[in-house]
């Protein structure tokens, strides 16, 4: 089964800021997010508490997302960096 990736506005804006600041270093994160379409729960992700949210970690970058099995979609909610 293949999921549709849906980018929320805040996630798109966060990715744009990261690309401006870090350039091509963000490519592994984008590749990992696109891979969620075929594997929505990879080993590099973890469930956030008792919610339906998950966090994907790729190096210094993070993406928070939600899997919606009803519409077979993954909603990317937030993208950011842990590096200052």
PDB file of N, CA and C in Angstrom:
ATOM      1  N   UNK A   1       0.846  -1.175   0.000  1.00  0.00           N
ATOM      2  CA  UNK A   1       0.000   0.000   0.000  1.00  0.00           C
ATOM      3  C   UNK A   1       0.892   1.239   0.000  1.00  0.00           C
ATOM      4  N   UNK A   2       0.514   2.203  -0.781  1.00  0.00           N
ATOM      5  CA  UNK A   2       1.266   3.446  -0.865  1.00  0.00           C
ATOM      6  C   UNK A   2       0.437   4.587  -0.263  1.00  0.00           C
ATOM      7  N   UNK A   3       1.070   5.373   0.588  1.00  0.00           N
ATOM      8  CA  UNK A   3       0.409   6.502   1.233  1.00  0.00           C
ATOM      9  C   UNK A   3       0.699   7.786   0.459  1.00  0.00           C
ATOM     10  N   UNK A   4      -0.204   8.736   0.552  1.00  0.00           N
ATOM     11  CA  UNK A   4      -0.030  10.059  -0.036  1.00  0.00           C
ATOM     12  C   UNK A   4       0.581  10.968   1.023  1.00  0.00           C
ATOM     13  N   UNK A   5       1.628  11.689   0.659  1.00  0.00           N
ATOM     14  CA  UNK A   5       2.279  12.625   1.576  1.00  0.00           C
ATOM     15  C   UNK A   5       1.608  13.992   1.430  1.00  0.00           C
ATOM     16  N   UNK A   6       1.126  14.527   2.534  1.00  0.00           N
ATOM     17  CA  UNK A   6       0.480  15.842   2.557  1.00  0.00           C
ATOM     18  C   UNK A   6       1.316  16.756   3.449  1.00  0.00           C
ATOM     19  N   UNK A   7       1.733  17.886   2.907  1.00  0.00           N
ATOM     20  CA  UNK A   7       2.543  18.850   3.655  1.00  0.00           C
ATOM     21  C   UNK A   7       1.655  19.952   4.221  1.00  0.00           C
ATOM     22  N   UNK A   8       1.657  20.108   5.535  1.00  0.00           N
ATOM     23  CA  UNK A   8       0.988  21.244   6.161  1.00  0.00           C
ATOM     24  C   UNK A   8       1.828  22.498   5.887  1.00  0.00           C
ATOM     25  N   UNK A   9       1.203  23.641   5.953  1.00  0.00           N
ATOM     26  CA  UNK A   9       1.891  24.898   5.650  1.00  0.00           C
ATOM     27  C   UNK A   9       3.090  25.126   6.567  1.00  0.00           C
ATOM     28  N   UNK A  10       2.942  24.847   7.857  1.00  0.00           N
ATOM     29  CA  UNK A  10       4.051  25.064   8.793  1.00  0.00           C
ATOM     30  C   UNK A  10       5.249  24.172   8.447  1.00  0.00           C
ATOM     31  N   UNK A  11       4.987  22.960   8.001  1.00  0.00           N
ATOM     32  CA  UNK A  11       6.070  22.049   7.615  1.00  0.00           C
ATOM     33  C   UNK A  11       6.767  22.549   6.351  1.00  0.00           C
ATOM     34  N   UNK A  12       5.991  23.003   5.384  1.00  0.00           N
ATOM     35  CA  UNK A  12       6.573  23.535   4.147  1.00  0.00           C
ATOM     36  C   UNK A  12       7.444  24.747   4.424  1.00  0.00           C
ATOM     37  N   UNK A  13       6.966  25.623   5.308  1.00  0.00           N
ATOM     38  CA  UNK A  13       7.733  26.818   5.666  1.00  0.00           C
ATOM     39  C   UNK A  13       9.003  26.439   6.415  1.00  0.00           C
ATOM     40  N   UNK A  14       8.910  25.450   7.297  1.00  0.00           N
ATOM     41  CA  UNK A  14      10.078  24.981   8.035  1.00  0.00           C
ATOM     42  C   UNK A  14      11.121  24.395   7.096  1.00  0.00           C
ATOM     43  N   UNK A  15      10.664  23.627   6.109  1.00  0.00           N
ATOM     44  CA  UNK A  15      11.589  23.043   5.135  1.00  0.00           C
ATOM     45  C   UNK A  15      12.256  24.141   4.306  1.00  0.00           C
ATOM     46  N   UNK A  16      11.498  25.150   3.944  1.00  0.00           N
ATOM     47  CA  UNK A  16      12.054  26.260   3.168  1.00  0.00           C
ATOM     48  C   UNK A  16      13.145  26.978   3.965  1.00  0.00           C
ATOM     49  N   UNK A  17      12.909  27.196   5.266  1.00  0.00           N
ATOM     50  CA  UNK A  17      13.916  27.832   6.115  1.00  0.00           C
ATOM     51  C   UNK A  17      15.178  26.973   6.215  1.00  0.00           C
ATOM     52  N   UNK A  18      14.982  25.654   6.371  1.00  0.00           N
ATOM     53  CA  UNK A  18      16.135  24.753   6.455  1.00  0.00           C
ATOM     54  C   UNK A  18      16.941  24.746   5.161  1.00  0.00           C
ATOM     55  N   UNK A  19      16.242  24.733   4.034  1.00  0.00           N
ATOM     56  CA  UNK A  19      16.938  24.748   2.743  1.00  0.00           C
ATOM     57  C   UNK A  19      17.737  26.030   2.566  1.00  0.00           C
ATOM     58  N   UNK A  20      17.182  27.147   3.001  1.00  0.00           N
ATOM     59  CA  UNK A  20      17.867  28.427   2.893  1.00  0.00           C
ATOM     60  C   UNK A  20      19.114  28.428   3.768  1.00  0.00           C
ATOM     61  N   UNK A  21      18.995  27.893   4.960  1.00  0.00           N
ATOM     62  CA  UNK A  21      20.096  27.891   5.919  1.00  0.00           C
ATOM     63  C   UNK A  21      21.134  26.808   5.627  1.00  0.00           C
ATOM     64  N   UNK A  22      20.678  25.593   5.337  1.00  0.00           N
ATOM     65  CA  UNK A  22      21.586  24.447   5.241  1.00  0.00           C
ATOM     66  C   UNK A  22      21.776  23.894   3.835  1.00  0.00           C
ATOM     67  N   UNK A  23      21.020  24.382   2.879  1.00  0.00           N
ATOM     68  CA  UNK A  23      21.175  23.947   1.490  1.00  0.00           C
ATOM     69  C   UNK A  23      20.923  22.463   1.286  1.00  0.00           C
ATOM     70  N   UNK A  24      21.844  21.799   0.602  1.00  0.00           N
ATOM     71  CA  UNK A  24      21.694  20.398   0.236  1.00  0.00           C
ATOM     72  C   UNK A  24      21.757  19.425   1.396  1.00  0.00           C
ATOM     73  N   UNK A  25      22.170  19.880   2.581  1.00  0.00           N
ATOM     74  CA  UNK A  25      22.248  18.993   3.740  1.00  0.00           C
ATOM     75  C   UNK A  25      20.875  18.464   4.152  1.00  0.00           C
ATOM     76  N   UNK A  26      19.819  19.090   3.665  1.00  0.00           N
ATOM     77  CA  UNK A  26      18.451  18.700   4.022  1.00  0.00           C
ATOM     78  C   UNK A  26      17.955  17.538   3.148  1.00  0.00           C
ATOM     79  N   UNK A  27      18.662  17.227   2.068  1.00  0.00           N
ATOM     80  CA  UNK A  27      18.202  16.189   1.137  1.00  0.00           C
ATOM     81  C   UNK A  27      17.929  14.835   1.788  1.00  0.00           C
ATOM     82  N   UNK A  28      18.745  14.346   2.739  1.00  0.00           N
ATOM     83  CA  UNK A  28      18.421  13.062   3.371  1.00  0.00           C
ATOM     84  C   UNK A  28      17.080  13.082   4.109  1.00  0.00           C
ATOM     85  N   UNK A  29      16.740  14.226   4.719  1.00  0.00           N
ATOM     86  CA  UNK A  29      15.451  14.341   5.395  1.00  0.00           C
ATOM     87  C   UNK A  29      14.314  14.250   4.388  1.00  0.00           C
ATOM     88  N   UNK A  30      14.434  14.953   3.280  1.00  0.00           N
ATOM     89  CA  UNK A  30      13.393  14.936   2.249  1.00  0.00           C
ATOM     90  C   UNK A  30      13.242  13.522   1.692  1.00  0.00           C
ATOM     91  N   UNK A  31      14.354  12.842   1.474  1.00  0.00           N
ATOM     92  CA  UNK A  31      14.315  11.471   0.969  1.00  0.00           C
ATOM     93  C   UNK A  31      13.605  10.557   1.971  1.00  0.00           C
ATOM     94  N   UNK A  32      13.898  10.729   3.268  1.00  0.00           N
ATOM     95  CA  UNK A  32      13.264   9.911   4.304  1.00  0.00           C
ATOM     96  C   UNK A  32      11.763  10.198   4.395  1.00  0.00           C
ATOM     97  N   UNK A  33      11.372  11.461   4.241  1.00  0.00           N
ATOM     98  CA  UNK A  33       9.949  11.809   4.273  1.00  0.00           C
ATOM     99  C   UNK A  33       9.230  11.181   3.085  1.00  0.00           C
ATOM    100  N   UNK A  34       9.830  11.257   1.905  1.00  0.00           N
ATOM    101  CA  UNK A  34       9.210  10.643   0.726  1.00  0.00           C
ATOM    102  C   UNK A  34       9.108   9.131   0.874  1.00  0.00           C
ATOM    103  N   UNK A  35      10.060   8.512   1.571  1.00  0.00           N
ATOM    104  CA  UNK A  35      10.042   7.063   1.793  1.00  0.00           C
ATOM    105  C   UNK A  35       8.899   6.644   2.723  1.00  0.00           C
ATOM    106  N   UNK A  36       8.341   7.592   3.480  1.00  0.00           N
ATOM    107  CA  UNK A  36       7.207   7.274   4.354  1.00  0.00           C
ATOM    108  C   UNK A  36       6.001   6.786   3.554  1.00  0.00           C
ATOM    109  N   UNK A  37       5.937   7.135   2.286  1.00  0.00           N
ATOM    110  CA  UNK A  37       4.816   6.718   1.439  1.00  0.00           C
ATOM    111  C   UNK A  37       4.726   5.195   1.352  1.00  0.00           C
ATOM    112  N   UNK A  38       5.867   4.508   1.432  1.00  0.00           N
ATOM    113  CA  UNK A  38       5.855   3.048   1.361  1.00  0.00           C
ATOM    114  C   UNK A  38       6.084   2.389   2.712  1.00  0.00           C
ATOM    115  N   UNK A  39       6.720   3.088   3.654  1.00  0.00           N
ATOM    116  CA  UNK A  39       6.965   2.562   4.993  1.00  0.00           C
ATOM    117  C   UNK A  39       6.693   3.667   6.005  1.00  0.00           C
ATOM    118  N   UNK A  40       5.435   3.802   6.471  1.00  0.00           N
ATOM    119  CA  UNK A  40       5.080   4.918   7.349  1.00  0.00           C
ATOM    120  C   UNK A  40       5.644   4.839   8.767  1.00  0.00           C
ATOM    121  N   UNK A  41       6.200   3.684   9.152  1.00  0.00           N
ATOM    122  CA  UNK A  41       6.763   3.545  10.490  1.00  0.00           C
ATOM    123  C   UNK A  41       8.180   2.964  10.425  1.00  0.00           C
ATOM    124  N   UNK A  42       9.129   3.704   9.822  1.00  0.00           N
ATOM    125  CA  UNK A  42      10.498   3.187   9.706  1.00  0.00           C
ATOM    126  C   UNK A  42      11.185   3.144  11.075  1.00  0.00           C
ATOM    127  N   UNK A  43      12.293   2.404  11.187  1.00  0.00           N
ATOM    128  CA  UNK A  43      13.024   2.337  12.458  1.00  0.00           C
ATOM    129  C   UNK A  43      13.534   3.694  12.952  1.00  0.00           C
ATOM    130  N   UNK A  44      13.728   4.643  12.042  1.00  0.00           N
ATOM    131  CA  UNK A  44      14.218   5.971  12.441  1.00  0.00           C
ATOM    132  C   UNK A  44      13.100   6.870  12.970  1.00  0.00           C
ATOM    133  N   UNK A  45      11.889   6.325  13.111  1.00  0.00           N
ATOM    134  CA  UNK A  45      10.781   7.115  13.652  1.00  0.00           C
ATOM    135  C   UNK A  45      10.365   6.548  15.006  1.00  0.00           C
ATOM    136  N   UNK A  46       9.669   7.371  15.760  1.00  0.00           N
ATOM    137  CA  UNK A  46       9.170   6.926  17.058  1.00  0.00           C
ATOM    138  C   UNK A  46       7.809   7.563  17.319  1.00  0.00           C
ATOM    139  N   UNK A  47       7.010   6.866  18.088  1.00  0.00           N
ATOM    140  CA  UNK A  47       5.683   7.362  18.449  1.00  0.00           C
ATOM    141  C   UNK A  47       5.842   8.408  19.549  1.00  0.00           C
ATOM    142  N   UNK A  48       5.039   9.453  19.483  1.00  0.00           N
ATOM    143  CA  UNK A  48       5.107  10.525  20.475  1.00  0.00           C
ATOM    144  C   UNK A  48       4.018  10.321  21.522  1.00  0.00           C
ATOM    145  N   UNK A  49       4.408   9.797  22.664  1.00  0.00           N
ATOM    146  CA  UNK A  49       3.478   9.609  23.777  1.00  0.00           C
ATOM    147  C   UNK A  49       2.267   8.783  23.404  1.00  0.00           C
ATOM    148  N   UNK A  50       1.130   9.147  23.931  1.00  0.00           N
ATOM    149  CA  UNK A  50      -0.114   8.437  23.684  1.00  0.00           C
ATOM    150  C   UNK A  50      -0.912   9.030  22.538  1.00  0.00           C
ATOM    151  N   UNK A  51      -0.234   9.749  21.654  1.00  0.00           N
ATOM    152  CA  UNK A  51      -0.911  10.393  20.538  1.00  0.00           C
ATOM    153  C   UNK A  51      -0.749   9.561  19.266  1.00  0.00           C
ATOM    154  N   UNK A  52      -1.337  10.024  18.190  1.00  0.00           N
ATOM    155  CA  UNK A  52      -1.182   9.366  16.892  1.00  0.00           C
ATOM    156  C   UNK A  52      -0.016   9.978  16.108  1.00  0.00           C
ATOM    157  N   UNK A  53       0.720  10.875  16.760  1.00  0.00           N
ATOM    158  CA  UNK A  53       1.837  11.547  16.099  1.00  0.00           C
ATOM    159  C   UNK A  53       3.107  10.707  16.161  1.00  0.00           C
ATOM    160  N   UNK A  54       3.959  10.880  15.154  1.00  0.00           N
ATOM    161  CA  UNK A  54       5.265  10.212  15.100  1.00  0.00           C
ATOM    162  C   UNK A  54       6.333  11.240  14.771  1.00  0.00           C
ATOM    163  N   UNK A  55       7.568  10.939  15.181  1.00  0.00           N
ATOM    164  CA  UNK A  55       8.700  11.810  14.895  1.00  0.00           C
ATOM    165  C   UNK A  55       9.704  11.015  14.073  1.00  0.00           C
ATOM    166  N   UNK A  56      10.167  11.612  13.001  1.00  0.00           N
ATOM    167  CA  UNK A  56      11.170  11.010  12.136  1.00  0.00           C
ATOM    168  C   UNK A  56      12.478  11.755  12.354  1.00  0.00           C
ATOM    169  N   UNK A  57      13.541  11.032  12.677  1.00  0.00           N
ATOM    170  CA  UNK A  57      14.847  11.643  12.917  1.00  0.00           C
ATOM    171  C   UNK A  57      15.806  11.270  11.798  1.00  0.00           C
ATOM    172  N   UNK A  58      16.444  12.282  11.234  1.00  0.00           N
ATOM    173  CA  UNK A  58      17.472  12.080  10.209  1.00  0.00           C
ATOM    174  C   UNK A  58      18.598  13.057  10.526  1.00  0.00           C
ATOM    175  N   UNK A  59      19.653  12.563  11.152  1.00  0.00           N
ATOM    176  CA  UNK A  59      20.756  13.438  11.557  1.00  0.00           C
ATOM    177  C   UNK A  59      20.278  14.499  12.524  1.00  0.00           C
ATOM    178  N   UNK A  60      20.555  15.760  12.196  1.00  0.00           N
ATOM    179  CA  UNK A  60      20.135  16.881  13.044  1.00  0.00           C
ATOM    180  C   UNK A  60      18.737  17.381  12.724  1.00  0.00           C
ATOM    181  N   UNK A  61      18.042  16.704  11.829  1.00  0.00           N
ATOM    182  CA  UNK A  61      16.730  17.167  11.377  1.00  0.00           C
ATOM    183  C   UNK A  61      15.616  16.274  11.894  1.00  0.00           C
ATOM    184  N   UNK A  62      14.449  16.891  12.087  1.00  0.00           N
ATOM    185  CA  UNK A  62      13.284  16.176  12.596  1.00  0.00           C
ATOM    186  C   UNK A  62      12.057  16.559  11.792  1.00  0.00           C
ATOM    187  N   UNK A  63      11.154  15.594  11.664  1.00  0.00           N
ATOM    188  CA  UNK A  63       9.846  15.863  11.067  1.00  0.00           C
ATOM    189  C   UNK A  63       8.803  15.201  11.955  1.00  0.00           C
ATOM    190  N   UNK A  64       7.756  15.917  12.245  1.00  0.00           N
ATOM    191  CA  UNK A  64       6.643  15.369  13.003  1.00  0.00           C
ATOM    192  C   UNK A  64       5.520  15.107  12.021  1.00  0.00           C
ATOM    193  N   UNK A  65       4.925  13.909  12.106  1.00  0.00           N
ATOM    194  CA  UNK A  65       3.881  13.562  11.151  1.00  0.00           C
ATOM    195  C   UNK A  65       2.808  12.698  11.786  1.00  0.00           C
ATOM    196  N   UNK A  66       1.706  12.558  11.067  1.00  0.00           N
ATOM    197  CA  UNK A  66       0.564  11.775  11.521  1.00  0.00           C
ATOM    198  C   UNK A  66       0.130  10.853  10.385  1.00  0.00           C
ATOM    199  N   UNK A  67      -0.113   9.598  10.717  1.00  0.00           N
ATOM    200  CA  UNK A  67      -0.561   8.617   9.727  1.00  0.00           C
ATOM    201  C   UNK A  67      -2.085   8.545   9.797  1.00  0.00           C
ATOM    202  N   UNK A  68      -2.729   8.676   8.647  1.00  0.00           N
ATOM    203  CA  UNK A  68      -4.185   8.560   8.572  1.00  0.00           C
ATOM    204  C   UNK A  68      -4.512   7.356   7.691  1.00  0.00           C
ATOM    205  N   UNK A  69      -4.815   6.239   8.329  1.00  0.00           N
ATOM    206  CA  UNK A  69      -5.118   5.016   7.598  1.00  0.00           C
ATOM    207  C   UNK A  69      -6.429   5.093   6.833  1.00  0.00           C
ATOM    208  N   UNK A  70      -7.354   5.925   7.294  1.00  0.00           N
ATOM    209  CA  UNK A  70      -8.644   6.061   6.622  1.00  0.00           C
ATOM    210  C   UNK A  70      -8.532   6.645   5.227  1.00  0.00           C
ATOM    211  N   UNK A  71      -7.676   7.649   5.079  1.00  0.00           N
ATOM    212  CA  UNK A  71      -7.491   8.277   3.776  1.00  0.00           C
ATOM    213  C   UNK A  71      -6.181   7.834   3.117  1.00  0.00           C
ATOM    214  N   UNK A  72      -5.478   6.906   3.763  1.00  0.00           N
ATOM    215  CA  UNK A  72      -4.193   6.395   3.285  1.00  0.00           C
ATOM    216  C   UNK A  72      -3.259   7.564   2.972  1.00  0.00           C
ATOM    217  N   UNK A  73      -3.061   8.411   3.994  1.00  0.00           N
ATOM    218  CA  UNK A  73      -2.206   9.572   3.822  1.00  0.00           C
ATOM    219  C   UNK A  73      -1.325   9.778   5.047  1.00  0.00           C
ATOM    220  N   UNK A  74      -0.257  10.506   4.826  1.00  0.00           N
ATOM    221  CA  UNK A  74       0.649  10.900   5.900  1.00  0.00           C
ATOM    222  C   UNK A  74       0.732  12.413   5.862  1.00  0.00           C
ATOM    223  N   UNK A  75       0.387  13.034   6.974  1.00  0.00           N
ATOM    224  CA  UNK A  75       0.388  14.492   7.054  1.00  0.00           C
ATOM    225  C   UNK A  75       1.655  14.940   7.773  1.00  0.00           C
ATOM    226  N   UNK A  76       2.524  15.664   7.056  1.00  0.00           N
ATOM    227  CA  UNK A  76       3.747  16.212   7.639  1.00  0.00           C
ATOM    228  C   UNK A  76       3.362  17.506   8.341  1.00  0.00           C
ATOM    229  N   UNK A  77       3.513  17.534   9.662  1.00  0.00           N
ATOM    230  CA  UNK A  77       3.050  18.675  10.452  1.00  0.00           C
ATOM    231  C   UNK A  77       4.128  19.714  10.722  1.00  0.00           C
ATOM    232  N   UNK A  78       5.360  19.246  10.963  1.00  0.00           N
ATOM    233  CA  UNK A  78       6.413  20.180  11.333  1.00  0.00           C
ATOM    234  C   UNK A  78       7.767  19.609  10.906  1.00  0.00           C
ATOM    235  N   UNK A  79       8.655  20.481  10.457  1.00  0.00           N
ATOM    236  CA  UNK A  79      10.010  20.103  10.068  1.00  0.00           C
ATOM    237  C   UNK A  79      10.944  21.098  10.737  1.00  0.00           C
ATOM    238  N   UNK A  80      12.029  20.587  11.322  1.00  0.00           N
ATOM    239  CA  UNK A  80      12.958  21.491  11.984  1.00  0.00           C
ATOM    240  C   UNK A  80      14.319  20.869  12.184  1.00  0.00           C
ATOM    241  N   UNK A  81      15.168  21.590  12.888  1.00  0.00           N
ATOM    242  CA  UNK A  81      16.540  21.153  13.142  1.00  0.00           C
ATOM    243  C   UNK A  81      16.821  21.255  14.621  1.00  0.00           C
ATOM    244  N   UNK A  82      17.693  20.365  15.108  1.00  0.00           N
ATOM    245  CA  UNK A  82      18.112  20.447  16.494  1.00  0.00           C
ATOM    246  C   UNK A  82      19.406  21.230  16.643  1.00  0.00           C
ATOM    247  N   UNK A  83      20.081  21.479  15.519  1.00  0.00           N
ATOM    248  CA  UNK A  83      21.333  22.238  15.541  1.00  0.00           C
ATOM    249  C   UNK A  83      21.041  23.735  15.663  1.00  0.00           C
ATOM    250  N   UNK A  84      21.832  24.400  16.457  1.00  0.00           N
ATOM    251  CA  UNK A  84      21.633  25.845  16.627  1.00  0.00           C
ATOM    252  C   UNK A  84      22.564  26.638  15.777  1.00  0.00           C
TER     253      UNK A  84
END
